[in-house]
PDB file of N, CA and C in Angstrom:
ATOM      1  N   UNK A   1       0.841  -1.181   0.000  1.00  0.00           N
ATOM      2  CA  UNK A   1       0.000   0.000   0.000  1.00  0.00           C
ATOM      3  C   UNK A   1       0.883   1.241   0.000  1.00  0.00           C
ATOM      4  N   UNK A   2       0.533   2.216  -0.788  1.00  0.00           N
ATOM      5  CA  UNK A   2       1.290   3.452  -0.907  1.00  0.00           C
ATOM      6  C   UNK A   2       1.134   4.310   0.337  1.00  0.00           C
ATOM      7  N   UNK A   3       2.205   5.005   0.711  1.00  0.00           N
ATOM      8  CA  UNK A   3       2.109   5.937   1.830  1.00  0.00           C
ATOM      9  C   UNK A   3       1.150   7.081   1.500  1.00  0.00           C
ATOM     10  N   UNK A   4       0.908   7.297   0.235  1.00  0.00           N
ATOM     11  CA  UNK A   4      -0.043   8.339  -0.167  1.00  0.00           C
ATOM     12  C   UNK A   4      -1.435   8.061   0.387  1.00  0.00           C
ATOM     13  N   UNK A   5      -1.807   6.799   0.510  1.00  0.00           N
ATOM     14  CA  UNK A   5      -3.160   6.462   0.965  1.00  0.00           C
ATOM     15  C   UNK A   5      -3.409   6.875   2.413  1.00  0.00           C
ATOM     16  N   UNK A   6      -2.349   7.169   3.155  1.00  0.00           N
ATOM     17  CA  UNK A   6      -2.493   7.626   4.542  1.00  0.00           C
ATOM     18  C   UNK A   6      -2.558   9.140   4.662  1.00  0.00           C
ATOM     19  N   UNK A   7      -2.440   9.840   3.546  1.00  0.00           N
ATOM     20  CA  UNK A   7      -2.446  11.303   3.565  1.00  0.00           C
ATOM     21  C   UNK A   7      -3.828  11.842   3.249  1.00  0.00           C
ATOM     22  N   UNK A   8      -4.031  13.112   3.571  1.00  0.00           N
ATOM     23  CA  UNK A   8      -5.294  13.796   3.295  1.00  0.00           C
ATOM     24  C   UNK A   8      -5.072  14.832   2.200  1.00  0.00           C
ATOM     25  N   UNK A   9      -6.080  15.031   1.380  1.00  0.00           N
ATOM     26  CA  UNK A   9      -6.034  16.089   0.375  1.00  0.00           C
ATOM     27  C   UNK A   9      -6.076  17.444   1.078  1.00  0.00           C
ATOM     28  N   UNK A  10      -5.330  18.379   0.514  1.00  0.00           N
ATOM     29  CA  UNK A  10      -5.271  19.742   1.042  1.00  0.00           C
ATOM     30  C   UNK A  10      -5.793  20.658  -0.054  1.00  0.00           C
ATOM     31  N   UNK A  11      -6.701  21.596   0.274  1.00  0.00           N
ATOM     32  CA  UNK A  11      -7.220  22.481  -0.769  1.00  0.00           C
ATOM     33  C   UNK A  11      -6.088  23.158  -1.549  1.00  0.00           C
ATOM     34  N   UNK A  12      -6.277  23.200  -2.846  1.00  0.00           N
ATOM     35  CA  UNK A  12      -5.282  23.737  -3.767  1.00  0.00           C
ATOM     36  C   UNK A  12      -5.686  25.157  -4.167  1.00  0.00           C
ATOM     37  N   UNK A  13      -4.717  26.042  -4.215  1.00  0.00           N
ATOM     38  CA  UNK A  13      -4.985  27.413  -4.674  1.00  0.00           C
ATOM     39  C   UNK A  13      -4.903  27.454  -6.194  1.00  0.00           C
ATOM     40  N   UNK A  14      -5.640  28.352  -6.797  1.00  0.00           N
ATOM     41  CA  UNK A  14      -5.669  28.425  -8.258  1.00  0.00           C
ATOM     42  C   UNK A  14      -4.333  28.850  -8.851  1.00  0.00           C
ATOM     43  N   UNK A  15      -3.450  29.449  -8.054  1.00  0.00           N
ATOM     44  CA  UNK A  15      -2.134  29.844  -8.577  1.00  0.00           C
ATOM     45  C   UNK A  15      -1.070  28.767  -8.360  1.00  0.00           C
ATOM     46  N   UNK A  16      -1.476  27.612  -7.851  1.00  0.00           N
ATOM     47  CA  UNK A  16      -0.557  26.481  -7.699  1.00  0.00           C
ATOM     48  C   UNK A  16      -0.282  25.895  -9.079  1.00  0.00           C
ATOM     49  N   UNK A  17       0.977  25.738  -9.451  1.00  0.00           N
ATOM     50  CA  UNK A  17       1.244  25.166 -10.777  1.00  0.00           C
ATOM     51  C   UNK A  17       0.974  23.661 -10.791  1.00  0.00           C
ATOM     52  N   UNK A  18       0.474  23.150 -11.912  1.00  0.00           N
ATOM     53  CA  UNK A  18       0.298  21.702 -12.038  1.00  0.00           C
ATOM     54  C   UNK A  18       1.655  21.000 -11.934  1.00  0.00           C
ATOM     55  N   UNK A  19       1.631  19.751 -11.504  1.00  0.00           N
ATOM     56  CA  UNK A  19       2.866  18.976 -11.400  1.00  0.00           C
ATOM     57  C   UNK A  19       3.477  18.761 -12.775  1.00  0.00           C
ATOM     58  N   UNK A  20       4.801  18.691 -12.795  1.00  0.00           N
ATOM     59  CA  UNK A  20       5.505  18.481 -14.056  1.00  0.00           C
ATOM     60  C   UNK A  20       6.131  17.097 -14.104  1.00  0.00           C
ATOM     61  N   UNK A  21       6.749  16.783 -15.212  1.00  0.00           N
ATOM     62  CA  UNK A  21       7.185  15.443 -15.581  1.00  0.00           C
ATOM     63  C   UNK A  21       7.902  14.676 -14.478  1.00  0.00           C
ATOM     64  N   UNK A  22       8.943  15.226 -13.891  1.00  0.00           N
ATOM     65  CA  UNK A  22       9.723  14.468 -12.910  1.00  0.00           C
ATOM     66  C   UNK A  22       8.893  14.119 -11.678  1.00  0.00           C
ATOM     67  N   UNK A  23       8.165  15.089 -11.139  1.00  0.00           N
ATOM     68  CA  UNK A  23       7.344  14.829  -9.959  1.00  0.00           C
ATOM     69  C   UNK A  23       6.193  13.884 -10.307  1.00  0.00           C
ATOM     70  N   UNK A  24       5.635  14.028 -11.500  1.00  0.00           N
ATOM     71  CA  UNK A  24       4.580  13.111 -11.948  1.00  0.00           C
ATOM     72  C   UNK A  24       5.104  11.679 -11.987  1.00  0.00           C
ATOM     73  N   UNK A  25       6.318  11.507 -12.469  1.00  0.00           N
ATOM     74  CA  UNK A  25       6.916  10.173 -12.557  1.00  0.00           C
ATOM     75  C   UNK A  25       7.080   9.571 -11.161  1.00  0.00           C
ATOM     76  N   UNK A  26       7.559  10.386 -10.207  1.00  0.00           N
ATOM     77  CA  UNK A  26       7.746   9.901  -8.836  1.00  0.00           C
ATOM     78  C   UNK A  26       6.424   9.467  -8.205  1.00  0.00           C
ATOM     79  N   UNK A  27       5.402  10.303  -8.348  1.00  0.00           N
ATOM     80  CA  UNK A  27       4.108   9.996  -7.734  1.00  0.00           C
ATOM     81  C   UNK A  27       3.396   8.853  -8.449  1.00  0.00           C
ATOM     82  N   UNK A  28       3.489   8.809  -9.766  1.00  0.00           N
ATOM     83  CA  UNK A  28       2.784   7.748 -10.497  1.00  0.00           C
ATOM     84  C   UNK A  28       3.382   6.377 -10.188  1.00  0.00           C
ATOM     85  N   UNK A  29       4.634   6.319  -9.783  1.00  0.00           N
ATOM     86  CA  UNK A  29       5.232   5.046  -9.387  1.00  0.00           C
ATOM     87  C   UNK A  29       4.554   4.486  -8.140  1.00  0.00           C
ATOM     88  N   UNK A  30       3.904   5.353  -7.367  1.00  0.00           N
ATOM     89  CA  UNK A  30       3.220   4.910  -6.151  1.00  0.00           C
ATOM     90  C   UNK A  30       1.789   4.439  -6.429  1.00  0.00           C
ATOM     91  N   UNK A  31       1.275   4.732  -7.606  1.00  0.00           N
ATOM     92  CA  UNK A  31      -0.059   4.263  -8.016  1.00  0.00           C
ATOM     93  C   UNK A  31       0.057   3.697  -9.442  1.00  0.00           C
ATOM     94  N   UNK A  32       0.803   2.607  -9.590  1.00  0.00           N
ATOM     95  CA  UNK A  32       1.192   2.127 -10.921  1.00  0.00           C
ATOM     96  C   UNK A  32       0.053   1.674 -11.832  1.00  0.00           C
ATOM     97  N   UNK A  33      -1.108   1.392 -11.287  1.00  0.00           N
ATOM     98  CA  UNK A  33      -2.208   0.946 -12.156  1.00  0.00           C
ATOM     99  C   UNK A  33      -2.979   2.111 -12.765  1.00  0.00           C
ATOM    100  N   UNK A  34      -2.645   3.319 -12.362  1.00  0.00           N
ATOM    101  CA  UNK A  34      -3.281   4.510 -12.901  1.00  0.00           C
ATOM    102  C   UNK A  34      -2.457   5.032 -14.071  1.00  0.00           C
ATOM    103  N   UNK A  35      -3.151   5.466 -15.109  1.00  0.00           N
ATOM    104  CA  UNK A  35      -2.495   6.037 -16.278  1.00  0.00           C
ATOM    105  C   UNK A  35      -2.476   7.556 -16.140  1.00  0.00           C
ATOM    106  N   UNK A  36      -1.304   8.154 -16.347  1.00  0.00           N
ATOM    107  CA  UNK A  36      -1.200   9.610 -16.415  1.00  0.00           C
ATOM    108  C   UNK A  36      -1.474   9.983 -17.869  1.00  0.00           C
ATOM    109  N   UNK A  37      -2.541  10.749 -18.097  1.00  0.00           N
ATOM    110  CA  UNK A  37      -2.961  11.090 -19.451  1.00  0.00           C
ATOM    111  C   UNK A  37      -2.601  12.546 -19.744  1.00  0.00           C
ATOM    112  N   UNK A  38      -1.725  12.727 -20.720  1.00  0.00           N
ATOM    113  CA  UNK A  38      -1.319  14.064 -21.180  1.00  0.00           C
ATOM    114  C   UNK A  38      -0.834  14.976 -20.048  1.00  0.00           C
ATOM    115  N   UNK A  39      -0.256  14.384 -19.010  1.00  0.00           N
ATOM    116  CA  UNK A  39       0.193  15.135 -17.833  1.00  0.00           C
ATOM    117  C   UNK A  39      -0.924  16.024 -17.271  1.00  0.00           C
ATOM    118  N   UNK A  40      -2.175  15.633 -17.515  1.00  0.00           N
ATOM    119  CA  UNK A  40      -3.330  16.434 -17.096  1.00  0.00           C
ATOM    120  C   UNK A  40      -4.220  15.717 -16.091  1.00  0.00           C
ATOM    121  N   UNK A  41      -4.427  14.402 -16.270  1.00  0.00           N
ATOM    122  CA  UNK A  41      -5.305  13.672 -15.362  1.00  0.00           C
ATOM    123  C   UNK A  41      -4.873  12.217 -15.226  1.00  0.00           C
ATOM    124  N   UNK A  42      -5.388  11.598 -14.174  1.00  0.00           N
ATOM    125  CA  UNK A  42      -5.175  10.179 -13.936  1.00  0.00           C
ATOM    126  C   UNK A  42      -6.418   9.431 -14.391  1.00  0.00           C
ATOM    127  N   UNK A  43      -6.227   8.229 -14.911  1.00  0.00           N
ATOM    128  CA  UNK A  43      -7.366   7.431 -15.356  1.00  0.00           C
ATOM    129  C   UNK A  43      -7.125   5.964 -15.016  1.00  0.00           C
ATOM    130  N   UNK A  44      -8.205   5.335 -14.584  1.00  0.00           N
ATOM    131  CA  UNK A  44      -8.157   3.890 -14.343  1.00  0.00           C
ATOM    132  C   UNK A  44      -9.555   3.320 -14.516  1.00  0.00           C
ATOM    133  N   UNK A  45      -9.621   2.138 -15.095  1.00  0.00           N
ATOM    134  CA  UNK A  45     -10.902   1.446 -15.232  1.00  0.00           C
ATOM    135  C   UNK A  45     -10.868   0.201 -14.347  1.00  0.00           C
ATOM    136  N   UNK A  46     -11.953   0.000 -13.633  1.00  0.00           N
ATOM    137  CA  UNK A  46     -12.112  -1.134 -12.725  1.00  0.00           C
ATOM    138  C   UNK A  46     -13.185  -2.045 -13.288  1.00  0.00           C
ATOM    139  N   UNK A  47     -12.976  -3.351 -13.200  1.00  0.00           N
ATOM    140  CA  UNK A  47     -13.928  -4.342 -13.701  1.00  0.00           C
ATOM    141  C   UNK A  47     -14.566  -5.096 -12.543  1.00  0.00           C
ATOM    142  N   UNK A  48     -15.852  -5.429 -12.719  1.00  0.00           N
ATOM    143  CA  UNK A  48     -16.622  -6.128 -11.692  1.00  0.00           C
ATOM    144  C   UNK A  48     -17.470  -7.204 -12.354  1.00  0.00           C
ATOM    145  N   UNK A  49     -17.992  -8.108 -11.547  1.00  0.00           N
ATOM    146  CA  UNK A  49     -18.799  -9.210 -12.086  1.00  0.00           C
ATOM    147  C   UNK A  49     -20.182  -8.770 -12.538  1.00  0.00           C
ATOM    148  N   UNK A  50     -20.670  -7.634 -12.010  1.00  0.00           N
ATOM    149  CA  UNK A  50     -22.021  -7.190 -12.361  1.00  0.00           C
ATOM    150  C   UNK A  50     -22.193  -5.714 -12.009  1.00  0.00           C
ATOM    151  N   UNK A  51     -23.362  -5.204 -12.287  1.00  0.00           N
ATOM    152  CA  UNK A  51     -23.643  -3.790 -12.046  1.00  0.00           C
ATOM    153  C   UNK A  51     -23.632  -3.459 -10.558  1.00  0.00           C
ATOM    154  N   UNK A  52     -24.214  -4.321  -9.726  1.00  0.00           N
ATOM    155  CA  UNK A  52     -24.294  -4.021  -8.290  1.00  0.00           C
ATOM    156  C   UNK A  52     -22.913  -3.899  -7.644  1.00  0.00           C
ATOM    157  N   UNK A  53     -21.977  -4.747  -8.044  1.00  0.00           N
ATOM    158  CA  UNK A  53     -20.619  -4.639  -7.508  1.00  0.00           C
ATOM    159  C   UNK A  53     -19.959  -3.330  -7.952  1.00  0.00           C
ATOM    160  N   UNK A  54     -20.171  -2.966  -9.206  1.00  0.00           N
ATOM    161  CA  UNK A  54     -19.617  -1.700  -9.706  1.00  0.00           C
ATOM    162  C   UNK A  54     -20.237  -0.517  -8.966  1.00  0.00           C
ATOM    163  N   UNK A  55     -21.536  -0.568  -8.739  1.00  0.00           N
ATOM    164  CA  UNK A  55     -22.230   0.502  -8.028  1.00  0.00           C
ATOM    165  C   UNK A  55     -21.741   0.622  -6.584  1.00  0.00           C
ATOM    166  N   UNK A  56     -21.557  -0.503  -5.915  1.00  0.00           N
ATOM    167  CA  UNK A  56     -21.057  -0.483  -4.535  1.00  0.00           C
ATOM    168  C   UNK A  56     -19.664   0.154  -4.489  1.00  0.00           C
ATOM    169  N   UNK A  57     -18.829  -0.182  -5.458  1.00  0.00           N
ATOM    170  CA  UNK A  57     -17.496   0.412  -5.536  1.00  0.00           C
ATOM    171  C   UNK A  57     -17.588   1.921  -5.732  1.00  0.00           C
ATOM    172  N   UNK A  58     -18.422   2.347  -6.660  1.00  0.00           N
ATOM    173  CA  UNK A  58     -18.588   3.779  -6.930  1.00  0.00           C
ATOM    174  C   UNK A  58     -19.085   4.506  -5.682  1.00  0.00           C
ATOM    175  N   UNK A  59     -19.970   3.889  -4.935  1.00  0.00           N
ATOM    176  CA  UNK A  59     -20.445   4.512  -3.695  1.00  0.00           C
ATOM    177  C   UNK A  59     -19.319   4.668  -2.680  1.00  0.00           C
ATOM    178  N   UNK A  60     -18.429   3.671  -2.584  1.00  0.00           N
ATOM    179  CA  UNK A  60     -17.271   3.794  -1.683  1.00  0.00           C
ATOM    180  C   UNK A  60     -16.339   4.909  -2.157  1.00  0.00           C
ATOM    181  N   UNK A  61     -16.119   4.984  -3.458  1.00  0.00           N
ATOM    182  CA  UNK A  61     -15.285   6.059  -4.017  1.00  0.00           C
ATOM    183  C   UNK A  61     -15.919   7.416  -3.722  1.00  0.00           C
ATOM    184  N   UNK A  62     -17.230   7.496  -3.887  1.00  0.00           N
ATOM    185  CA  UNK A  62     -17.935   8.749  -3.607  1.00  0.00           C
ATOM    186  C   UNK A  62     -17.782   9.187  -2.160  1.00  0.00           C
ATOM    187  N   UNK A  63     -17.852   8.244  -1.233  1.00  0.00           N
ATOM    188  CA  UNK A  63     -17.685   8.592   0.179  1.00  0.00           C
ATOM    189  C   UNK A  63     -16.258   9.051   0.462  1.00  0.00           C
ATOM    190  N   UNK A  64     -15.285   8.361  -0.110  1.00  0.00           N
ATOM    191  CA  UNK A  64     -13.891   8.781   0.053  1.00  0.00           C
ATOM    192  C   UNK A  64     -13.685  10.181  -0.522  1.00  0.00           C
ATOM    193  N   UNK A  65     -14.256  10.437  -1.692  1.00  0.00           N
ATOM    194  CA  UNK A  65     -14.130  11.758  -2.319  1.00  0.00           C
ATOM    195  C   UNK A  65     -14.722  12.838  -1.425  1.00  0.00           C
ATOM    196  N   UNK A  66     -15.872  12.573  -0.852  1.00  0.00           N
ATOM    197  CA  UNK A  66     -16.483  13.538   0.075  1.00  0.00           C
ATOM    198  C   UNK A  66     -15.594  13.754   1.297  1.00  0.00           C
ATOM    199  N   UNK A  67     -15.079  12.666   1.863  1.00  0.00           N
ATOM    200  CA  UNK A  67     -14.206  12.764   3.037  1.00  0.00           C
ATOM    201  C   UNK A  67     -12.954  13.578   2.729  1.00  0.00           C
ATOM    202  N   UNK A  68     -12.423  13.418   1.520  1.00  0.00           N
ATOM    203  CA  UNK A  68     -11.196  14.113   1.125  1.00  0.00           C
ATOM    204  C   UNK A  68     -11.463  15.506   0.554  1.00  0.00           C
ATOM    205  N   UNK A  69     -12.718  15.786   0.202  1.00  0.00           N
ATOM    206  CA  UNK A  69     -13.024  17.076  -0.425  1.00  0.00           C
ATOM    207  C   UNK A  69     -12.400  17.199  -1.808  1.00  0.00           C
ATOM    208  N   UNK A  70     -12.267  16.066  -2.491  1.00  0.00           N
ATOM    209  CA  UNK A  70     -11.638  16.041  -3.821  1.00  0.00           C
ATOM    210  C   UNK A  70     -12.423  15.055  -4.671  1.00  0.00           C
ATOM    211  N   UNK A  71     -13.063  15.547  -5.728  1.00  0.00           N
ATOM    212  CA  UNK A  71     -14.097  14.769  -6.418  1.00  0.00           C
ATOM    213  C   UNK A  71     -13.694  14.393  -7.837  1.00  0.00           C
ATOM    214  N   UNK A  72     -13.642  13.092  -8.126  1.00  0.00           N
ATOM    215  CA  UNK A  72     -13.266  12.611  -9.455  1.00  0.00           C
ATOM    216  C   UNK A  72     -14.454  12.595 -10.418  1.00  0.00           C
ATOM    217  N   UNK A  73     -14.125  12.388 -11.675  1.00  0.00           N
ATOM    218  CA  UNK A  73     -15.125  12.111 -12.695  1.00  0.00           C
ATOM    219  C   UNK A  73     -15.305  10.593 -12.700  1.00  0.00           C
ATOM    220  N   UNK A  74     -16.540  10.124 -12.642  1.00  0.00           N
ATOM    221  CA  UNK A  74     -16.801   8.687 -12.564  1.00  0.00           C
ATOM    222  C   UNK A  74     -17.800   8.286 -13.644  1.00  0.00           C
ATOM    223  N   UNK A  75     -17.454   7.235 -14.382  1.00  0.00           N
ATOM    224  CA  UNK A  75     -18.380   6.621 -15.336  1.00  0.00           C
ATOM    225  C   UNK A  75     -18.707   5.237 -14.795  1.00  0.00           C
ATOM    226  N   UNK A  76     -19.974   4.893 -14.804  1.00  0.00           N
ATOM    227  CA  UNK A  76     -20.443   3.630 -14.255  1.00  0.00           C
ATOM    228  C   UNK A  76     -21.294   2.905 -15.286  1.00  0.00           C
ATOM    229  N   UNK A  77     -21.060   1.621 -15.407  1.00  0.00           N
ATOM    230  CA  UNK A  77     -21.871   0.793 -16.292  1.00  0.00           C
ATOM    231  C   UNK A  77     -21.874  -0.633 -15.799  1.00  0.00           C
ATOM    232  N   UNK A  78     -22.504  -1.520 -16.554  1.00  0.00           N
ATOM    233  CA  UNK A  78     -22.586  -2.914 -16.151  1.00  0.00           C
ATOM    234  C   UNK A  78     -21.174  -3.498 -16.109  1.00  0.00           C
ATOM    235  N   UNK A  79     -20.716  -3.849 -14.908  1.00  0.00           N
ATOM    236  CA  UNK A  79     -19.438  -4.513 -14.735  1.00  0.00           C
ATOM    237  C   UNK A  79     -18.209  -3.628 -14.780  1.00  0.00           C
ATOM    238  N   UNK A  80     -18.381  -2.317 -14.783  1.00  0.00           N
ATOM    239  CA  UNK A  80     -17.191  -1.467 -14.806  1.00  0.00           C
ATOM    240  C   UNK A  80     -17.456  -0.116 -14.137  1.00  0.00           C
ATOM    241  N   UNK A  81     -16.377   0.496 -13.735  1.00  0.00           N
ATOM    242  CA  UNK A  81     -16.372   1.896 -13.306  1.00  0.00           C
ATOM    243  C   UNK A  81     -15.062   2.486 -13.804  1.00  0.00           C
ATOM    244  N   UNK A  82     -15.132   3.615 -14.456  1.00  0.00           N
ATOM    245  CA  UNK A  82     -13.937   4.322 -14.925  1.00  0.00           C
ATOM    246  C   UNK A  82     -13.824   5.621 -14.131  1.00  0.00           C
ATOM    247  N   UNK A  83     -12.623   5.912 -13.688  1.00  0.00           N
ATOM    248  CA  UNK A  83     -12.409   7.096 -12.854  1.00  0.00           C
ATOM    249  C   UNK A  83     -11.319   7.955 -13.473  1.00  0.00           C
ATOM    250  N   UNK A  84     -11.586   9.251 -13.553  1.00  0.00           N
ATOM    251  CA  UNK A  84     -10.597  10.238 -13.964  1.00  0.00           C
ATOM    252  C   UNK A  84     -10.468  11.249 -12.839  1.00  0.00           C
ATOM    253  N   UNK A  85      -9.217  11.572 -12.516  1.00  0.00           N
ATOM    254  CA  UNK A  85      -8.954  12.493 -11.418  1.00  0.00           C
ATOM    255  C   UNK A  85      -8.021  13.590 -11.911  1.00  0.00           C
ATOM    256  N   UNK A  86      -8.391  14.825 -11.626  1.00  0.00           N
ATOM    257  CA  UNK A  86      -7.490  15.961 -11.801  1.00  0.00           C
ATOM    258  C   UNK A  86      -7.971  17.071 -10.893  1.00  0.00           C
ATOM    259  N   UNK A  87      -7.131  18.059 -10.706  1.00  0.00           N
ATOM    260  CA  UNK A  87      -7.477  19.170  -9.824  1.00  0.00           C
ATOM    261  C   UNK A  87      -8.085  20.284 -10.669  1.00  0.00           C
ATOM    262  N   UNK A  88      -9.375  20.483 -10.513  1.00  0.00           N
ATOM    263  CA  UNK A  88     -10.107  21.458 -11.322  1.00  0.00           C
ATOM    264  C   UNK A  88      -9.551  22.873 -11.152  1.00  0.00           C
ATOM    265  N   UNK A  89      -9.164  23.251  -9.939  1.00  0.00           N
ATOM    266  CA  UNK A  89      -8.700  24.615  -9.667  1.00  0.00           C
ATOM    267  C   UNK A  89      -7.456  24.989 -10.478  1.00  0.00           C
ATOM    268  N   UNK A  90      -6.650  23.989 -10.848  1.00  0.00           N
ATOM    269  CA  UNK A  90      -5.434  24.286 -11.612  1.00  0.00           C
ATOM    270  C   UNK A  90      -5.468  23.653 -13.005  1.00  0.00           C
ATOM    271  N   UNK A  91      -6.565  22.993 -13.328  1.00  0.00           N
ATOM    272  CA  UNK A  91      -6.740  22.306 -14.607  1.00  0.00           C
ATOM    273  C   UNK A  91      -5.542  21.413 -14.932  1.00  0.00           C
ATOM    274  N   UNK A  92      -5.164  20.624 -13.933  1.00  0.00           N
ATOM    275  CA  UNK A  92      -4.036  19.716 -14.106  1.00  0.00           C
ATOM    276  C   UNK A  92      -3.889  18.834 -12.886  1.00  0.00           C
ATOM    277  N   UNK A  93      -2.738  18.220 -12.768  1.00  0.00           N
ATOM    278  CA  UNK A  93      -2.491  17.285 -11.678  1.00  0.00           C
ATOM    279  C   UNK A  93      -1.783  17.932 -10.494  1.00  0.00           C
ATOM    280  N   UNK A  94      -2.242  17.566  -9.307  1.00  0.00           N
ATOM    281  CA  UNK A  94      -1.608  17.974  -8.050  1.00  0.00           C
ATOM    282  C   UNK A  94      -1.382  16.714  -7.216  1.00  0.00           C
ATOM    283  N   UNK A  95      -0.697  16.855  -6.101  1.00  0.00           N
ATOM    284  CA  UNK A  95      -0.498  15.708  -5.218  1.00  0.00           C
ATOM    285  C   UNK A  95      -1.834  15.137  -4.748  1.00  0.00           C
ATOM    286  N   UNK A  96      -2.844  15.992  -4.604  1.00  0.00           N
ATOM    287  CA  UNK A  96      -4.162  15.522  -4.162  1.00  0.00           C
ATOM    288  C   UNK A  96      -4.701  14.417  -5.059  1.00  0.00           C
ATOM    289  N   UNK A  97      -4.437  14.520  -6.340  1.00  0.00           N
ATOM    290  CA  UNK A  97      -4.945  13.524  -7.278  1.00  0.00           C
ATOM    291  C   UNK A  97      -4.334  12.152  -7.001  1.00  0.00           C
ATOM    292  N   UNK A  98      -3.073  12.134  -6.675  1.00  0.00           N
ATOM    293  CA  UNK A  98      -2.385  10.883  -6.368  1.00  0.00           C
ATOM    294  C   UNK A  98      -2.801  10.351  -4.997  1.00  0.00           C
ATOM    295  N   UNK A  99      -3.069  11.252  -4.064  1.00  0.00           N
ATOM    296  CA  UNK A  99      -3.563  10.832  -2.750  1.00  0.00           C
ATOM    297  C   UNK A  99      -4.917  10.145  -2.895  1.00  0.00           C
ATOM    298  N   UNK A 100      -5.809  10.741  -3.696  1.00  0.00           N
ATOM    299  CA  UNK A 100      -7.120  10.136  -3.909  1.00  0.00           C
ATOM    300  C   UNK A 100      -6.990   8.800  -4.638  1.00  0.00           C
ATOM    301  N   UNK A 101      -6.146   8.735  -5.651  1.00  0.00           N
ATOM    302  CA  UNK A 101      -5.950   7.478  -6.387  1.00  0.00           C
ATOM    303  C   UNK A 101      -5.439   6.382  -5.449  1.00  0.00           C
ATOM    304  N   UNK A 102      -4.500   6.713  -4.590  1.00  0.00           N
ATOM    305  CA  UNK A 102      -3.967   5.723  -3.641  1.00  0.00           C
ATOM    306  C   UNK A 102      -5.056   5.288  -2.659  1.00  0.00           C
ATOM    307  N   UNK A 103      -5.898   6.219  -2.241  1.00  0.00           N
ATOM    308  CA  UNK A 103      -7.004   5.867  -1.350  1.00  0.00           C
ATOM    309  C   UNK A 103      -7.982   4.918  -2.008  1.00  0.00           C
ATOM    310  N   UNK A 104      -8.251   5.134  -3.281  1.00  0.00           N
ATOM    311  CA  UNK A 104      -9.142   4.241  -4.031  1.00  0.00           C
ATOM    312  C   UNK A 104      -8.491   2.866  -4.163  1.00  0.00           C
ATOM    313  N   UNK A 105      -7.202   2.837  -4.436  1.00  0.00           N
ATOM    314  CA  UNK A 105      -6.494   1.558  -4.559  1.00  0.00           C
ATOM    315  C   UNK A 105      -6.502   0.770  -3.254  1.00  0.00           C
ATOM    316  N   UNK A 106      -6.643   1.456  -2.129  1.00  0.00           N
ATOM    317  CA  UNK A 106      -6.607   0.786  -0.828  1.00  0.00           C
ATOM    318  C   UNK A 106      -7.884   0.019  -0.522  1.00  0.00           C
ATOM    319  N   UNK A 107      -8.940   0.163  -1.332  1.00  0.00           N
ATOM    320  CA  UNK A 107     -10.191  -0.574  -1.098  1.00  0.00           C
ATOM    321  C   UNK A 107      -9.957  -2.054  -1.252  1.00  0.00           C
TER     322      UNK A 107
END
């Protein structure tokens, strides 16, 4: 389990610069199943045996997002949930995105 999963998201200011290549590489190594897309967002798709399992997972993600005050984009369908995470205030990636991804991985 990543040490990131033990951290809390901290509100980001709009003048905070998005993370760049080297720091992105360091953080993404801690959540290796997540794809860094265009250095802008994280993406991962989860597979389940049926809709109810996918829905239960999405509900757990939703509660974690509320607890962290950091809300991902979630797509839900029969047997899958796709999650995209980025920091809206900076239109890019921050440490918060990796903290949330690690928290989701800890389920």
